[in-house]
Amino acid sequence: MNNSKLSVSISSKLIGTTRTHFFSDGEFNSGFIATVGIDFREKRVTYTSRNGEKSTQPFKVHLQLWDTAGQERFRSLTTAFYRDAMGFLLVFDLTSEQSFLNTRNWLSQLESHAYCATPDIVLCGNKADLDDKRQVSSERALQFAKEHGLPYFETSAATGENVEESIMHLLDLVRYS
């Protein structure tokens, strides 16, 4: 796991791009345009297991974050990147009902094209800071995650809420699966 490739698969414009940028660079940039095809970022992190192991020594992990386009027209291009990824963040927009509805199709794509039949996936509802524009309830998203056996995080690329936590949780899944 010292050189892990994680894929950020999104079902809406911008949200994966702003999340990966926030995680890799530590800042939010509202001026991003939608991903066309694939965007790539890298970050080195010191990883310590969060699954309750005793006396786990931290070690360095080189993450490769692949932000794949959420638009249907790029699907044939982006699915090729799923085969080598060790884990996936499936990100949808909490302020878009359609984005949430698309997660079922994206989940199917991940399961069809990933390195194994049951890849490590963390479901993330992004834009948690925009509560007044929310179209997808926490309960509905949690129910979907439970039905599919996925951990669920509500995140905000604007504030950084749960961005690092969701990625570290995915690293835990990758390491212990």
C-alpha atoms as a PDB file:
ATOM      1  CA  MET A   1       0.000   0.000   0.000  1.00  0.00           C
ATOM      2  CA  ASN A   2       2.993   2.337  -0.072  1.00  0.00           C
ATOM      3  CA  ASN A   3       2.013   3.588  -3.524  1.00  0.00           C
ATOM      4  CA  SER A   4      -1.779   3.526  -3.526  1.00  0.00           C
ATOM      5  CA  LYS A   5      -3.941   4.583  -6.435  1.00  0.00           C
ATOM      6  CA  LEU A   6      -7.338   5.785  -5.301  1.00  0.00           C
ATOM      7  CA  SER A   7     -10.023   6.773  -7.735  1.00  0.00           C
ATOM      8  CA  VAL A   8     -12.536   9.499  -7.007  1.00  0.00           C
ATOM      9  CA  SER A   9     -15.605   8.579  -9.017  1.00  0.00           C
ATOM     10  CA  ILE A  10     -18.187  11.283  -9.125  1.00  0.00           C
ATOM     11  CA  SER A  11     -21.742  11.578 -10.280  1.00  0.00           C
ATOM     12  CA  SER A  12     -21.844  15.333 -10.588  1.00  0.00           C
ATOM     13  CA  LYS A  13     -19.745  18.150 -12.010  1.00  0.00           C
ATOM     14  CA  LEU A  14     -17.029  19.781  -9.876  1.00  0.00           C
ATOM     15  CA  ILE A  15     -17.543  18.038  -6.563  1.00  0.00           C
ATOM     16  CA  GLY A  16     -14.786  15.460  -6.974  1.00  0.00           C
ATOM     17  CA  THR A  17     -12.403  18.062  -8.367  1.00  0.00           C
ATOM     18  CA  THR A  18     -12.840  20.431  -5.450  1.00  0.00           C
ATOM     19  CA  ARG A  19     -12.526  17.545  -2.941  1.00  0.00           C
ATOM     20  CA  THR A  20      -9.292  16.186  -4.416  1.00  0.00           C
ATOM     21  CA  HIS A  21      -7.866  19.698  -4.679  1.00  0.00           C
ATOM     22  CA  PHE A  22      -8.788  20.433  -1.052  1.00  0.00           C
ATOM     23  CA  PHE A  23      -7.214  17.174   0.145  1.00  0.00           C
ATOM     24  CA  SER A  24      -4.029  17.477  -1.921  1.00  0.00           C
ATOM     25  CA  ASP A  25      -3.473  21.236  -1.602  1.00  0.00           C
ATOM     26  CA  GLY A  26      -5.385  22.143   1.566  1.00  0.00           C
ATOM     27  CA  GLU A  27      -7.550  24.825   0.005  1.00  0.00           C
ATOM     28  CA  PHE A  28     -10.926  25.265  -1.657  1.00  0.00           C
ATOM     29  CA  ASN A  29     -11.085  26.808  -5.121  1.00  0.00           C
ATOM     30  CA  SER A  30     -14.585  27.688  -6.269  1.00  0.00           C
ATOM     31  CA  GLY A  31     -13.285  28.660  -9.713  1.00  0.00           C
ATOM     32  CA  PHE A  32     -12.785  25.105 -10.969  1.00  0.00           C
ATOM     33  CA  ILE A  33     -14.393  23.943 -14.170  1.00  0.00           C
ATOM     34  CA  ALA A  34     -15.806  20.448 -14.571  1.00  0.00           C
ATOM     35  CA  THR A  35     -13.378  17.578 -15.080  1.00  0.00           C
ATOM     36  CA  VAL A  36     -12.944  16.618 -18.723  1.00  0.00           C
ATOM     37  CA  GLY A  37     -11.960  12.958 -18.790  1.00  0.00           C
ATOM     38  CA  ILE A  38      -9.485  12.494 -15.925  1.00  0.00           C
ATOM     39  CA  ASP A  39      -7.766  14.813 -13.452  1.00  0.00           C
ATOM     40  CA  PHE A  40      -4.803  13.553 -11.447  1.00  0.00           C
ATOM     41  CA  ARG A  41      -3.338  14.670  -8.121  1.00  0.00           C
ATOM     42  CA  GLU A  42      -0.765  13.198  -5.773  1.00  0.00           C
ATOM     43  CA  LYS A  43      -0.196  13.515  -2.072  1.00  0.00           C
ATOM     44  CA  ARG A  44       2.124  11.865   0.389  1.00  0.00           C
ATOM     45  CA  VAL A  45       0.554  11.208   3.773  1.00  0.00           C
ATOM     46  CA  THR A  46       1.655   9.637   7.001  1.00  0.00           C
ATOM     47  CA  TYR A  47      -0.833   6.863   7.585  1.00  0.00           C
ATOM     48  CA  THR A  48      -1.690   5.379  10.956  1.00  0.00           C
ATOM     49  CA  SER A  49      -4.342   2.693  11.147  1.00  0.00           C
ATOM     50  CA  ARG A  50      -7.640   3.906  12.539  1.00  0.00           C
ATOM     51  CA  ASN A  51      -9.221   0.494  12.963  1.00  0.00           C
ATOM     52  CA  GLY A  52      -8.210   0.021  16.598  1.00  0.00           C
ATOM     53  CA  GLU A  53      -4.974  -1.925  16.163  1.00  0.00           C
ATOM     54  CA  LYS A  54      -2.572  -1.626  19.074  1.00  0.00           C
ATOM     55  CA  SER A  55       0.889  -0.117  18.555  1.00  0.00           C
ATOM     56  CA  THR A  56       0.594   0.402  14.814  1.00  0.00           C
ATOM     57  CA  GLN A  57       3.602   2.270  13.482  1.00  0.00           C
ATOM     58  CA  PRO A  58       2.776   5.146  11.129  1.00  0.00           C
ATOM     59  CA  PHE A  59       4.158   4.859   7.619  1.00  0.00           C
ATOM     60  CA  LYS A  60       4.278   7.021   4.519  1.00  0.00           C
ATOM     61  CA  VAL A  61       1.811   6.414   1.713  1.00  0.00           C
ATOM     62  CA  HIS A  62       2.012   7.984  -1.729  1.00  0.00           C
ATOM     63  CA  LEU A  63      -1.559   8.539  -2.860  1.00  0.00           C
ATOM     64  CA  GLN A  64      -2.541   8.945  -6.462  1.00  0.00           C
ATOM     65  CA  LEU A  65      -5.977  10.570  -6.667  1.00  0.00           C
ATOM     66  CA  TRP A  66      -7.724  10.101  -9.989  1.00  0.00           C
ATOM     67  CA  ASP A  67     -10.745  12.353 -10.394  1.00  0.00           C
ATOM     68  CA  THR A  68     -12.866  10.863 -13.158  1.00  0.00           C
ATOM     69  CA  ALA A  69     -15.457  12.882 -15.049  1.00  0.00           C
ATOM     70  CA  GLY A  70     -19.037  12.367 -13.965  1.00  0.00           C
ATOM     71  CA  GLN A  71     -20.568  13.003 -17.354  1.00  0.00           C
ATOM     72  CA  GLU A  72     -21.928  10.060 -19.326  1.00  0.00           C
ATOM     73  CA  ARG A  73     -19.953  11.003 -22.461  1.00  0.00           C
ATOM     74  CA  PHE A  74     -16.652  10.258 -20.661  1.00  0.00           C
ATOM     75  CA  ARG A  75     -17.719   6.921 -19.177  1.00  0.00           C
ATOM     76  CA  SER A  76     -15.811   4.740 -21.672  1.00  0.00           C
ATOM     77  CA  LEU A  77     -12.629   6.694 -20.951  1.00  0.00           C
ATOM     78  CA  THR A  78     -12.971   6.719 -17.176  1.00  0.00           C
ATOM     79  CA  THR A  79     -13.854   3.054 -16.680  1.00  0.00           C
ATOM     80  CA  ALA A  80     -10.409   2.055 -17.971  1.00  0.00           C
ATOM     81  CA  PHE A  81      -8.897   3.758 -14.897  1.00  0.00           C
ATOM     82  CA  TYR A  82     -10.969   1.679 -12.482  1.00  0.00           C
ATOM     83  CA  ARG A  83      -9.087  -1.566 -13.157  1.00  0.00           C
ATOM     84  CA  ASP A  84      -5.902  -0.520 -11.355  1.00  0.00           C
ATOM     85  CA  ALA A  85      -7.398   1.532  -8.526  1.00  0.00           C
ATOM     86  CA  MET A  86      -7.182   0.070  -5.033  1.00  0.00           C
ATOM     87  CA  GLY A  87     -10.195   1.980  -3.702  1.00  0.00           C
ATOM     88  CA  PHE A  88     -12.938   4.380  -4.684  1.00  0.00           C
ATOM     89  CA  LEU A  89     -14.694   7.423  -3.309  1.00  0.00           C
ATOM     90  CA  LEU A  90     -18.144   7.548  -4.879  1.00  0.00           C
ATOM     91  CA  VAL A  91     -19.120  11.191  -4.506  1.00  0.00           C
ATOM     92  CA  PHE A  92     -22.520  12.735  -5.140  1.00  0.00           C
ATOM     93  CA  ASP A  93     -23.877  16.242  -4.677  1.00  0.00           C
ATOM     94  CA  LEU A  94     -26.215  16.631  -1.684  1.00  0.00           C
ATOM     95  CA  THR A  95     -27.828  19.603  -3.436  1.00  0.00           C
ATOM     96  CA  SER A  96     -28.759  17.570  -6.532  1.00  0.00           C
ATOM     97  CA  GLU A  97     -31.368  14.820  -6.540  1.00  0.00           C
ATOM     98  CA  GLN A  98     -30.179  13.664  -9.979  1.00  0.00           C
ATOM     99  CA  SER A  99     -26.616  13.329  -8.754  1.00  0.00           C
ATOM    100  CA  PHE A 100     -27.810  11.039  -5.965  1.00  0.00           C
ATOM    101  CA  LEU A 101     -29.944   8.972  -8.359  1.00  0.00           C
ATOM    102  CA  ASN A 102     -26.881   8.509 -10.602  1.00  0.00           C
ATOM    103  CA  THR A 103     -24.885   6.873  -7.789  1.00  0.00           C
ATOM    104  CA  ARG A 104     -26.632   3.541  -8.425  1.00  0.00           C
ATOM    105  CA  ASN A 105     -25.309   3.526 -12.020  1.00  0.00           C
ATOM    106  CA  TRP A 106     -21.835   4.614 -10.926  1.00  0.00           C
ATOM    107  CA  LEU A 107     -21.752   1.891  -8.286  1.00  0.00           C
ATOM    108  CA  SER A 108     -22.628  -0.658 -10.947  1.00  0.00           C
ATOM    109  CA  GLN A 109     -19.838   0.694 -13.177  1.00  0.00           C
ATOM    110  CA  LEU A 110     -17.305   0.417 -10.352  1.00  0.00           C
ATOM    111  CA  GLU A 111     -18.342  -3.144  -9.571  1.00  0.00           C
ATOM    112  CA  SER A 112     -18.171  -4.105 -13.269  1.00  0.00           C
ATOM    113  CA  HIS A 113     -14.813  -2.540 -14.094  1.00  0.00           C
ATOM    114  CA  ALA A 114     -12.820  -2.627 -10.837  1.00  0.00           C
ATOM    115  CA  TYR A 115      -9.984  -5.018 -10.044  1.00  0.00           C
ATOM    116  CA  CYS A 116     -12.383  -7.320  -8.155  1.00  0.00           C
ATOM    117  CA  ALA A 117     -16.113  -7.981  -7.809  1.00  0.00           C
ATOM    118  CA  THR A 118     -16.353  -6.187  -4.445  1.00  0.00           C
ATOM    119  CA  PRO A 119     -14.011  -3.187  -4.524  1.00  0.00           C
ATOM    120  CA  ASP A 120     -13.398  -0.938  -1.515  1.00  0.00           C
ATOM    121  CA  ILE A 121     -15.801   1.989  -1.871  1.00  0.00           C
ATOM    122  CA  VAL A 122     -16.692   4.893   0.405  1.00  0.00           C
ATOM    123  CA  LEU A 123     -19.872   6.821  -0.420  1.00  0.00           C
ATOM    124  CA  CYS A 124     -19.612  10.586   0.094  1.00  0.00           C
ATOM    125  CA  GLY A 125     -22.352  13.184  -0.051  1.00  0.00           C
ATOM    126  CA  ASN A 126     -20.565  16.449  -0.794  1.00  0.00           C
ATOM    127  CA  LYS A 127     -21.646  20.072  -0.201  1.00  0.00           C
ATOM    128  CA  ALA A 128     -22.767  19.359   3.361  1.00  0.00           C
ATOM    129  CA  ASP A 129     -22.186  23.050   4.093  1.00  0.00           C
ATOM    130  CA  LEU A 130     -25.105  24.029   1.819  1.00  0.00           C
ATOM    131  CA  ASP A 131     -27.881  22.817   4.111  1.00  0.00           C
ATOM    132  CA  ASP A 132     -30.381  25.355   2.746  1.00  0.00           C
ATOM    133  CA  LYS A 133     -29.965  23.859  -0.764  1.00  0.00           C
ATOM    134  CA  ARG A 134     -29.966  20.208   0.285  1.00  0.00           C
ATOM    135  CA  GLN A 135     -32.116  17.870  -1.823  1.00  0.00           C
ATOM    136  CA  VAL A 136     -30.884  14.546  -0.409  1.00  0.00           C
ATOM    137  CA  SER A 137     -31.501  13.793   3.264  1.00  0.00           C
ATOM    138  CA  SER A 138     -28.883  12.150   5.455  1.00  0.00           C
ATOM    139  CA  GLU A 139     -31.338   9.353   6.187  1.00  0.00           C
ATOM    140  CA  ARG A 140     -31.851   8.563   2.496  1.00  0.00           C
ATOM    141  CA  ALA A 141     -28.138   8.536   1.766  1.00  0.00           C
ATOM    142  CA  LEU A 142     -27.437   6.378   4.827  1.00  0.00           C
ATOM    143  CA  GLN A 143     -30.137   3.917   3.750  1.00  0.00           C
ATOM    144  CA  PHE A 144     -28.578   3.643   0.279  1.00  0.00           C
ATOM    145  CA  ALA A 145     -25.133   3.121   1.823  1.00  0.00           C
ATOM    146  CA  LYS A 146     -26.487   0.462   4.185  1.00  0.00           C
ATOM    147  CA  GLU A 147     -28.260  -1.392   1.343  1.00  0.00           C
ATOM    148  CA  HIS A 148     -24.957  -1.600  -0.528  1.00  0.00           C
ATOM    149  CA  GLY A 149     -22.669  -2.209   2.437  1.00  0.00           C
ATOM    150  CA  LEU A 150     -20.839   1.104   2.041  1.00  0.00           C
ATOM    151  CA  PRO A 151     -19.489   3.461   4.697  1.00  0.00           C
ATOM    152  CA  TYR A 152     -21.002   6.937   4.307  1.00  0.00           C
ATOM    153  CA  PHE A 153     -19.592  10.405   4.975  1.00  0.00           C
ATOM    154  CA  GLU A 154     -21.105  13.821   4.443  1.00  0.00           C
ATOM    155  CA  THR A 155     -18.341  16.134   3.302  1.00  0.00           C
ATOM    156  CA  SER A 156     -17.675  19.712   2.273  1.00  0.00           C
ATOM    157  CA  ALA A 157     -14.817  20.706   0.024  1.00  0.00           C
ATOM    158  CA  ALA A 158     -15.527  24.330   0.958  1.00  0.00           C
ATOM    159  CA  THR A 159     -14.977  23.825   4.700  1.00  0.00           C
ATOM    160  CA  GLY A 160     -12.927  20.625   4.639  1.00  0.00           C
ATOM    161  CA  GLU A 161     -15.512  18.771   6.734  1.00  0.00           C
ATOM    162  CA  ASN A 162     -14.822  15.006   6.621  1.00  0.00           C
ATOM    163  CA  VAL A 163     -12.688  15.211   3.448  1.00  0.00           C
ATOM    164  CA  GLU A 164      -9.559  13.781   5.060  1.00  0.00           C
ATOM    165  CA  GLU A 165     -11.592  11.431   7.256  1.00  0.00           C
ATOM    166  CA  SER A 166     -13.327   9.842   4.258  1.00  0.00           C
ATOM    167  CA  ILE A 167     -10.026   9.282   2.463  1.00  0.00           C
ATOM    168  CA  MET A 168      -8.345   7.854   5.566  1.00  0.00           C
ATOM    169  CA  HIS A 169     -11.316   5.531   6.058  1.00  0.00           C
ATOM    170  CA  LEU A 170     -10.864   4.334   2.484  1.00  0.00           C
ATOM    171  CA  LEU A 171      -7.174   3.701   3.219  1.00  0.00           C
ATOM    172  CA  ASP A 172      -8.228   1.580   6.198  1.00  0.00           C
ATOM    173  CA  LEU A 173     -10.520  -0.453   3.937  1.00  0.00           C
ATOM    174  CA  VAL A 174      -7.790  -0.923   1.341  1.00  0.00           C
ATOM    175  CA  ARG A 175      -5.217  -1.945   3.932  1.00  0.00           C
ATOM    176  CA  TYR A 176      -7.401  -4.473   5.736  1.00  0.00           C
ATOM    177  CA  SER A 177      -9.334  -6.028   2.864  1.00  0.00           C
END
